């Protein structure tokens, strides 16, 4: 889908935009503050900024603060799952006061992500105050404004290309929000579909974009509508959703979608994106988009596109999810998996008491493989890799790990990253294990 929509973006920026009113576009100092602290703490998602000038400025000014208490606290929270959108959402509720210190914005309602307990958010705010005072963050932020302004051009084109009125029509059962784009190059390749509520009334959809592109913006503007809708209806679809997630858990986890609720968020968002494309770009083959989403594990997208139309209700959504022919899908999936490359591993998922030190993980395939290999990170720690080699007949892959004691490691074996010499893709799987203390 991204490949198709990238071409569409090139067409749109040449011919003109769709939006009836210009979307507000700005940076957010609170989000940038959190991004830098998590970057210093080693969070992968905040260490892939593509703006060379900004990278150099951050490293030059903050490189000496990697042991600051705020950074050490962030490291502690990262181990407890506080990352990605939780970091940006916390930052979106902050403002920098006249003394250059962070505080919660009194104009906003404080709806914290559930990863932020009351204790965690209080400790983090205190630590951020010290960080700003010790590093001169606010002065640095003002001094680098020119770099952020230079990056704004692409974001402005994106904002002009979005038809905001379509969202009100498609999600007619929801309140009409206002739209804003938060430009955040420090988020790197990541994007987060945030929204904030004003105390005096009104919702602002404000996706945080590290990697600006049209398909991402269409997608992220859907999340603040779709996520609350799924939350309201989840008790009525939970049983079905859990069954669907079980059927495709491996491939979904490879994309960091780790439970049935998140899968449902994404399914409704992706179906909505396809509906947007169908309305605005009828030249695109919608069937191909549905097939791409199905290949990614989102089995419900096609059914949602078929059933949901303008004027649909929550009841229609519940019916669409609960009436999906899961048994037929599983039968087709099992038949397709039998045609894929099969393999065995010398490490069984769930293994315990694996000795620390050097460990050679092997995969033995049922046919000769190409050179490709793709083992992805999961939510668990990823072991250090020191080498990788294929056997002469290309049926056995050996990956050399260094394992630390008392750790729980995990990784995802992405089937389309292991392709046989005859062009056949492999099955997906997940490996997790614990080392001795």
Protein backbone atom coordinates (compact mmCIF):
# COMPACT_ATOMS: atom_id res chain seq x y z
CA UNK A 1 0.00 0.00 0.00
CA UNK A 2 2.79 2.41 0.86
CA UNK A 3 4.34 2.02 -2.59
CA UNK A 4 1.04 2.86 -4.30
CA UNK A 5 0.29 5.81 -2.04
CA UNK A 6 3.78 7.25 -2.44
CA UNK A 7 3.07 7.54 -6.17
CA UNK A 8 -0.27 9.14 -5.33
CA UNK A 9 1.47 11.66 -3.11
CA UNK A 10 3.72 12.70 -5.99
CA UNK A 11 0.63 13.18 -8.16
CA UNK A 12 -1.22 15.15 -5.46
CA UNK A 13 1.62 17.55 -4.75
CA UNK A 14 1.81 18.28 -8.47
CA UNK A 15 -1.90 18.75 -9.16
CA UNK A 16 -3.01 20.34 -5.90
CA UNK A 17 -4.50 19.30 -2.58
CA UNK A 18 -7.83 18.00 -1.35
CA UNK A 19 -8.24 19.85 1.94
CA UNK A 20 -10.93 22.51 2.20
CA UNK A 21 -9.13 24.34 5.03
CA UNK A 22 -5.44 24.41 5.83
CA UNK A 23 -4.43 22.08 8.65
CA UNK A 24 -2.37 23.62 11.44
CA UNK A 25 1.18 22.28 11.42
CA UNK A 26 3.70 22.83 14.20
CA UNK A 27 6.35 21.23 16.36
CA UNK A 28 5.83 20.37 20.01
CA UNK A 29 8.50 21.20 22.55
CA UNK A 30 7.21 18.70 25.12
CA UNK A 31 7.31 15.83 22.62
CA UNK A 32 10.79 16.82 21.46
CA UNK A 33 11.95 16.91 25.09
CA UNK A 34 10.68 13.39 25.69
CA UNK A 35 12.16 12.21 22.38
CA UNK A 36 15.62 13.43 23.36
CA UNK A 37 15.50 11.83 26.82
CA UNK A 38 14.38 8.50 25.34
CA UNK A 39 17.02 8.85 22.62
CA UNK A 40 19.72 9.26 25.28
CA UNK A 41 18.25 6.26 27.12
CA UNK A 42 18.85 4.13 24.03
CA UNK A 43 15.25 3.62 22.85
CA UNK A 44 15.50 2.26 19.30
CA UNK A 45 12.42 4.11 18.11
CA UNK A 46 13.93 7.48 19.06
CA UNK A 47 17.36 6.81 17.60
CA UNK A 48 16.62 6.83 13.89
CA UNK A 49 16.13 10.52 13.11
CA UNK A 50 16.82 11.11 9.39
CA UNK A 51 17.62 14.83 9.76
CA UNK A 52 21.42 15.00 9.80
CA UNK A 53 21.56 18.60 11.02
CA UNK A 54 19.25 17.91 13.93
CA UNK A 55 21.13 14.75 14.86
CA UNK A 56 24.39 16.69 15.05
CA UNK A 57 22.83 19.42 17.18
CA UNK A 58 21.31 16.92 19.62
CA UNK A 59 24.50 14.90 19.99
CA UNK A 60 26.69 17.98 20.42
CA UNK A 61 24.53 19.51 23.17
CA UNK A 62 23.12 16.49 25.03
CA UNK A 63 25.75 13.81 24.47
CA UNK A 64 27.31 14.47 27.88
CA UNK A 65 24.03 13.79 29.71
CA UNK A 66 23.56 10.06 29.09
CA UNK A 67 23.87 9.38 32.83
CA UNK A 68 21.49 12.15 33.89
CA UNK A 69 18.86 10.91 36.40
CA UNK A 70 16.07 11.61 33.89
CA UNK A 71 17.80 9.39 31.33
CA UNK A 72 18.39 6.63 33.88
CA UNK A 73 14.71 6.81 34.86
CA UNK A 74 13.73 6.53 31.18
CA UNK A 75 15.92 3.42 30.88
CA UNK A 76 14.06 1.92 33.83
CA UNK A 77 10.71 2.71 32.24
CA UNK A 78 11.77 1.34 28.85
CA UNK A 79 12.30 -2.05 30.49
CA UNK A 80 8.70 -1.82 31.72
CA UNK A 81 7.31 -1.15 28.25
CA UNK A 82 7.14 2.65 28.22
CA UNK A 83 8.10 3.52 24.67
CA UNK A 84 6.85 4.50 21.21
CA UNK A 85 3.50 6.38 21.38
CA UNK A 86 3.48 6.41 25.22
CA UNK A 87 6.51 8.72 25.09
CA UNK A 88 4.95 11.08 22.55
CA UNK A 89 1.54 11.09 24.26
CA UNK A 90 3.11 12.11 27.60
CA UNK A 91 5.04 14.85 25.86
CA UNK A 92 1.90 16.16 24.15
CA UNK A 93 0.44 17.05 27.56
CA UNK A 94 3.47 19.15 28.54
CA UNK A 95 4.28 22.78 27.95
CA UNK A 96 7.43 24.70 28.80
CA UNK A 97 6.80 27.57 31.20
CA UNK A 98 8.46 31.01 31.36
CA UNK A 99 11.28 29.57 33.45
CA UNK A 100 12.10 27.01 30.77
CA UNK A 101 10.74 24.09 32.83
CA UNK A 102 8.09 21.52 31.83
CA UNK A 103 4.64 21.39 33.40
CA UNK A 104 1.33 19.82 32.43
CA UNK A 105 -0.71 22.06 30.16
CA UNK A 106 -3.72 23.28 32.18
CA UNK A 107 -5.73 23.83 28.98
CA UNK A 108 -5.77 20.08 28.29
CA UNK A 109 -7.49 17.14 29.93
CA UNK A 110 -4.94 14.66 31.23
CA UNK A 111 -5.71 11.32 29.61
CA UNK A 112 -2.57 9.32 30.17
CA UNK A 113 -1.64 6.13 28.36
CA UNK A 114 -2.08 3.18 30.74
CA UNK A 115 1.71 2.67 30.75
CA UNK A 116 1.94 5.88 32.76
CA UNK A 117 0.93 5.13 36.32
CA UNK A 118 0.43 8.08 38.64
CA UNK A 119 3.76 7.37 40.31
CA UNK A 120 5.65 7.09 37.03
CA UNK A 121 4.31 10.29 35.53
CA UNK A 122 5.08 12.28 38.71
CA UNK A 123 8.63 10.93 38.94
CA UNK A 124 9.20 11.65 35.26
CA UNK A 125 7.96 15.23 35.49
CA UNK A 126 10.32 15.91 38.42
CA UNK A 127 13.20 14.35 36.51
CA UNK A 128 12.40 16.36 33.38
CA UNK A 129 12.43 19.58 35.39
CA UNK A 130 15.97 18.79 36.53
CA UNK A 131 16.97 17.75 33.01
CA UNK A 132 15.78 21.05 31.51
CA UNK A 133 17.49 23.06 34.24
CA UNK A 134 20.76 21.15 33.95
CA UNK A 135 20.96 21.04 30.14
CA UNK A 136 19.41 24.38 29.17
CA UNK A 137 16.95 22.48 27.01
CA UNK A 138 14.59 25.40 26.31
CA UNK A 139 17.39 27.70 25.15
CA UNK A 140 18.74 24.92 22.93
CA UNK A 141 15.28 24.32 21.50
CA UNK A 142 14.87 27.97 20.55
CA UNK A 143 18.36 28.06 19.01
CA UNK A 144 17.54 25.15 16.66
CA UNK A 145 14.22 26.52 15.38
CA UNK A 146 15.65 27.11 11.89
CA UNK A 147 16.28 23.36 11.39
CA UNK A 148 12.67 22.49 12.23
CA UNK A 149 11.28 25.26 10.04
CA UNK A 150 13.35 24.03 7.11
CA UNK A 151 11.73 20.60 7.42
CA UNK A 152 8.19 22.02 7.41
CA UNK A 153 7.73 22.16 3.62
CA UNK A 154 6.91 18.47 3.22
CA UNK A 155 4.49 18.53 6.14
CA UNK A 156 2.64 21.53 4.68
CA UNK A 157 2.14 19.74 1.35
CA UNK A 158 0.74 16.75 3.21
CA UNK A 159 -1.67 18.89 5.19
CA UNK A 160 -2.96 20.52 2.01
CA UNK A 161 -3.55 17.09 0.45
CA UNK A 162 -5.88 15.71 3.14
CA UNK A 163 -9.66 15.92 2.80
CA UNK A 164 -10.68 16.48 6.41
CA UNK A 165 -14.39 16.57 5.60
CA UNK A 166 -14.30 12.91 4.57
CA UNK A 167 -13.49 11.87 8.14
CA UNK A 168 -16.63 13.51 9.51
CA UNK A 169 -18.74 11.71 6.90
CA UNK A 170 -17.14 8.28 7.29
CA UNK A 171 -17.12 8.45 11.08
CA UNK A 172 -20.53 10.13 11.24
CA UNK A 173 -21.27 8.59 14.64
CA UNK A 174 -18.29 10.42 16.20
CA UNK A 175 -17.78 14.01 17.32
CA UNK A 176 -16.20 16.36 14.77
CA UNK A 177 -12.65 17.20 15.89
CA UNK A 178 -10.13 19.76 14.70
CA UNK A 179 -6.99 18.66 12.86
CA UNK A 180 -3.33 19.37 13.49
CA UNK A 181 -0.04 17.81 12.41
CA UNK A 182 2.88 17.67 14.83
CA UNK A 183 6.17 17.56 12.94
CA UNK A 184 8.71 15.56 14.93
CA UNK A 185 11.84 14.53 12.97
CA UNK A 186 13.25 13.10 16.23
CA UNK A 187 10.63 10.33 15.99
CA UNK A 188 12.55 9.00 12.97
CA UNK A 189 10.64 6.41 10.97
CA UNK A 190 7.82 6.26 13.52
CA UNK A 191 4.44 7.97 13.56
CA UNK A 192 1.82 8.11 16.29
CA UNK A 193 -1.92 8.79 15.96
CA UNK A 194 -2.46 11.01 18.99
CA UNK A 195 -5.37 13.20 20.01
CA UNK A 196 -5.84 15.62 22.91
CA UNK A 197 -8.97 16.91 24.63
CA UNK A 198 -9.30 20.57 25.57
CA UNK A 199 -10.77 21.37 28.98
CA UNK A 200 -13.13 23.92 27.46
CA UNK A 201 -14.37 21.34 24.97
CA UNK A 202 -13.19 19.98 21.66
CA UNK A 203 -10.89 17.24 20.47
CA UNK A 204 -7.75 17.87 18.45
CA UNK A 205 -6.45 15.08 16.20
CA UNK A 206 -2.70 15.65 16.25
CA UNK A 207 -0.69 12.77 14.77
CA UNK A 208 3.02 12.95 15.50
CA UNK A 209 4.88 12.37 12.25
CA UNK A 210 8.55 11.51 12.17
CA UNK A 211 8.40 10.21 8.61
CA UNK A 212 5.92 12.38 6.66
CA UNK A 213 4.03 10.68 3.86
CA UNK A 214 0.45 10.79 2.63
CA UNK A 215 -0.47 7.20 3.40
CA UNK A 216 0.79 7.58 6.96
CA UNK A 217 -1.17 10.79 7.52
CA UNK A 218 -4.42 9.29 6.18
CA UNK A 219 -3.78 6.31 8.47
CA UNK A 220 -2.90 8.28 11.60
CA UNK A 221 -5.89 10.63 11.32
CA UNK A 222 -8.09 7.51 11.47
CA UNK A 223 -6.69 6.23 14.76
CA UNK A 224 -8.29 8.80 17.10
CA UNK A 225 -11.68 7.82 15.65
CA UNK A 226 -11.12 4.09 15.43
CA UNK A 227 -9.42 3.36 18.75
CA UNK A 228 -12.21 4.74 20.98
CA UNK A 229 -14.80 3.01 18.81
CA UNK A 230 -13.07 -0.35 19.24
CA UNK A 231 -12.73 0.30 22.98
CA UNK A 232 -16.50 0.91 23.26
CA UNK A 233 -17.39 -2.25 21.35
CA UNK A 234 -14.56 -4.58 22.38
CA UNK A 235 -16.53 -6.53 24.99
CA UNK A 236 -18.95 -7.53 22.21
CA UNK A 237 -16.23 -8.68 19.81
CA UNK A 238 -13.51 -9.87 22.21
CA UNK A 239 -14.07 -13.60 21.69
CA UNK A 240 -13.90 -13.32 17.91
CA UNK A 241 -10.97 -10.90 18.03
CA UNK A 242 -8.95 -13.22 20.27
CA UNK A 243 -9.53 -16.09 17.86
CA UNK A 244 -8.42 -14.00 14.89
CA UNK A 245 -5.33 -12.85 16.76
CA UNK A 246 -4.44 -16.42 17.65
CA UNK A 247 -4.66 -17.33 13.98
CA UNK A 248 -2.22 -14.62 12.89
CA UNK A 249 -0.34 -13.77 16.10
CA UNK A 250 3.12 -14.51 14.72
CA UNK A 251 2.90 -12.20 11.72
CA UNK A 252 1.13 -9.47 13.71
CA UNK A 253 3.75 -9.52 16.47
CA UNK A 254 6.43 -9.04 13.83
CA UNK A 255 4.81 -5.66 13.20
CA UNK A 256 4.62 -4.85 16.96
CA UNK A 257 0.85 -5.52 17.16
CA UNK A 258 0.90 -7.64 20.27
CA UNK A 259 -2.72 -8.27 21.24
CA UNK A 260 -6.24 -8.63 19.88
CA UNK A 261 -7.37 -5.12 20.79
CA UNK A 262 -4.48 -3.49 18.94
CA UNK A 263 -5.17 -5.77 15.99
CA UNK A 264 -8.75 -4.47 15.93
CA UNK A 265 -7.58 -0.85 16.08
CA UNK A 266 -5.39 -1.48 13.06
CA UNK A 267 -8.01 -3.49 11.17
CA UNK A 268 -10.61 -0.73 11.35
CA UNK A 269 -8.02 1.93 10.55
CA UNK A 270 -6.73 0.05 7.51
CA UNK A 271 -10.25 -0.60 6.23
CA UNK A 272 -11.01 3.10 6.65
CA UNK A 273 -7.85 4.07 4.76
CA UNK A 274 -8.93 1.86 1.88
CA UNK A 275 -12.36 3.53 1.89
CA UNK A 276 -10.63 6.93 1.75
CA UNK A 277 -8.56 5.79 -1.22
CA UNK A 278 -11.61 4.36 -2.99
CA UNK A 279 -13.36 7.74 -2.74
CA UNK A 280 -10.43 9.96 -3.67
CA UNK A 281 -8.37 7.78 -6.02
CA UNK A 282 -10.73 5.48 -7.96
CA UNK A 283 -7.89 4.54 -10.32
CA UNK A 284 -6.31 2.43 -7.55
CA UNK A 285 -7.10 -1.28 -7.53
CA UNK A 286 -8.71 -1.71 -4.10
CA UNK A 287 -8.51 -5.50 -4.29
CA UNK A 288 -4.72 -5.27 -4.33
CA UNK A 289 -4.76 -3.13 -1.19
CA UNK A 290 -7.01 -5.61 0.60
CA UNK A 291 -4.72 -8.48 -0.46
CA UNK A 292 -1.70 -6.62 0.93
CA UNK A 293 -3.39 -6.15 4.29
CA UNK A 294 -4.46 -9.79 4.38
CA UNK A 295 -0.85 -10.84 3.73
CA UNK A 296 0.17 -8.71 6.72
CA UNK A 297 -2.22 -10.70 8.94
CA UNK A 298 -5.19 -8.32 8.97
CA UNK A 299 -7.74 -10.87 7.87
CA UNK A 300 -10.78 -8.69 8.70
CA UNK A 301 -9.93 -5.72 6.50
CA UNK A 302 -11.61 -7.05 3.36
CA UNK A 303 -14.81 -7.88 5.23
CA UNK A 304 -14.90 -4.46 6.90
CA UNK A 305 -14.46 -2.74 3.55
CA UNK A 306 -17.29 -4.82 2.05
CA UNK A 307 -19.78 -4.31 4.87
CA UNK A 308 -19.11 -0.84 6.25
CA UNK A 309 -20.32 2.14 4.25
CA UNK A 310 -21.25 5.75 4.92
CA UNK A 311 -23.78 5.85 7.73
CA UNK A 312 -22.56 2.62 9.35
CA UNK A 313 -23.09 2.12 13.05
CA UNK A 314 -21.31 0.39 15.91
CA UNK A 315 -23.81 -2.46 15.54
CA UNK A 316 -22.69 -2.95 11.93
CA UNK A 317 -19.08 -3.16 13.09
CA UNK A 318 -19.92 -5.78 15.73
CA UNK A 319 -21.84 -7.84 13.17
CA UNK A 320 -19.00 -7.65 10.66
CA UNK A 321 -16.44 -8.91 13.17
CA UNK A 322 -18.52 -11.65 14.78
CA UNK A 323 -19.78 -13.11 11.51
CA UNK A 324 -16.38 -13.63 9.90
CA UNK A 325 -15.93 -17.24 8.64
CA UNK A 326 -12.89 -18.07 10.73
CA UNK A 327 -12.92 -21.84 10.10
CA UNK A 328 -12.83 -21.32 6.35
CA UNK A 329 -10.00 -18.81 6.72
CA UNK A 330 -7.97 -21.18 8.92
CA UNK A 331 -8.43 -24.02 6.45
CA UNK A 332 -7.20 -21.84 3.59
CA UNK A 333 -4.31 -20.59 5.70
CA UNK A 334 -3.29 -24.12 6.70
CA UNK A 335 -3.31 -25.20 3.08
CA UNK A 336 -1.20 -22.18 2.09
CA UNK A 337 1.28 -22.79 4.93
CA UNK A 338 1.82 -26.37 3.80
CA UNK A 339 3.13 -25.02 0.50
CA UNK A 340 5.64 -22.73 2.24
CA UNK A 341 9.20 -23.57 3.23
CA UNK A 342 9.31 -25.51 6.51
CA UNK A 343 12.22 -25.53 8.94
CA UNK A 344 13.30 -26.81 12.35
CA UNK A 345 15.32 -24.92 14.98
CA UNK A 346 17.70 -26.17 17.65
CA UNK A 347 15.96 -23.91 20.18
CA UNK A 348 12.35 -24.57 21.17
CA UNK A 349 10.31 -21.48 21.95
CA UNK A 350 9.70 -21.21 25.69
CA UNK A 351 12.99 -22.91 26.57
CA UNK A 352 14.45 -22.09 29.99
CA UNK A 353 17.88 -22.30 31.57
CA UNK A 354 19.82 -21.75 28.35
CA UNK A 355 23.49 -21.24 29.36
CA UNK A 356 24.87 -17.72 29.08
CA UNK A 357 27.80 -17.03 26.77
CA UNK A 358 28.26 -18.05 23.15
CA UNK A 359 25.30 -19.82 21.57
CA UNK A 360 24.80 -20.90 17.96
CA UNK A 361 21.16 -20.80 16.87
CA UNK A 362 20.46 -22.98 13.82
CA UNK A 363 17.60 -23.22 11.33
CA UNK A 364 17.44 -26.28 9.07
CA UNK A 365 15.26 -25.84 5.98
CA UNK A 366 13.50 -28.43 3.82
CA UNK A 367 15.02 -27.06 0.59
CA UNK A 368 17.95 -24.88 -0.59
CA UNK A 369 17.53 -21.24 0.43
CA UNK A 370 18.65 -17.92 -1.03
CA UNK A 371 20.98 -15.57 0.85
CA UNK A 372 18.10 -13.58 2.40
CA UNK A 373 17.53 -13.80 6.16
CA UNK A 374 15.25 -11.70 8.35
CA UNK A 375 15.02 -12.14 12.11
CA UNK A 376 13.13 -9.26 13.68
CA UNK A 377 13.00 -7.85 17.19
CA UNK A 378 10.02 -8.66 19.38
CA UNK A 379 8.93 -7.00 22.62
CA UNK A 380 11.64 -9.05 24.42
CA UNK A 381 15.37 -8.32 24.47
CA UNK A 382 17.23 -9.22 21.30
CA UNK A 383 20.48 -11.16 21.77
CA UNK A 384 23.79 -9.77 20.49
CA UNK A 385 24.68 -11.23 17.08
CA UNK A 386 28.37 -11.90 16.35
CA UNK A 387 28.11 -13.81 13.11
CA UNK A 388 25.88 -15.50 10.55
CA UNK A 389 26.66 -18.23 8.01
CA UNK A 390 24.96 -20.61 5.58
CA UNK A 391 25.95 -24.23 5.02
CA UNK A 392 27.38 -25.15 1.62
CA UNK A 393 24.06 -26.62 0.45
CA UNK A 394 22.14 -23.57 1.78
CA UNK A 395 19.80 -25.70 3.86
CA UNK A 396 21.19 -24.71 7.26
CA UNK A 397 21.60 -21.22 8.70
CA UNK A 398 23.75 -20.62 11.80
CA UNK A 399 23.46 -17.41 13.80
CA UNK A 400 26.04 -16.79 16.53
CA UNK A 401 24.67 -15.10 19.66
CA UNK A 402 26.25 -13.81 22.84
CA UNK A 403 23.80 -14.38 25.71
CA UNK A 404 23.83 -12.65 29.08
CA UNK A 405 22.74 -14.43 32.24
CA UNK A 406 19.27 -13.98 33.76
CA UNK A 407 17.73 -12.60 30.56
CA UNK A 408 14.53 -13.29 28.65
CA UNK A 409 15.28 -13.09 24.94
CA UNK A 410 13.00 -13.24 21.95
CA UNK A 411 12.83 -12.63 18.23
CA UNK A 412 10.49 -13.10 15.30
CA UNK A 413 11.30 -15.18 12.23
CA UNK A 414 9.77 -13.32 9.30
CA UNK A 415 8.76 -15.86 6.69
CA UNK A 416 9.01 -13.57 3.69
CA UNK A 417 12.60 -12.80 4.75
CA UNK A 418 13.59 -16.44 4.18
CA UNK A 419 12.99 -17.28 0.54
CA UNK A 420 13.95 -20.56 -1.12
CA UNK A 421 15.92 -20.70 -4.33
CA UNK A 422 12.68 -21.73 -6.05
CA UNK A 423 11.06 -18.46 -4.86
CA UNK A 424 8.86 -19.97 -2.11
CA UNK A 425 8.54 -18.02 1.15
CA UNK A 426 8.88 -19.59 4.59
CA UNK A 427 6.36 -19.90 7.40
CA UNK A 428 6.43 -17.33 10.23
CA UNK A 429 7.39 -18.26 13.78
CA UNK A 430 8.40 -16.74 17.11
CA UNK A 431 11.19 -17.76 19.46
CA UNK A 432 11.48 -16.82 23.13
CA UNK A 433 13.77 -18.27 25.80
CA UNK A 434 15.37 -17.55 29.18
CA UNK A 435 19.00 -17.86 30.20
CA UNK A 436 20.37 -19.15 33.50
CA UNK A 437 21.05 -16.66 36.29
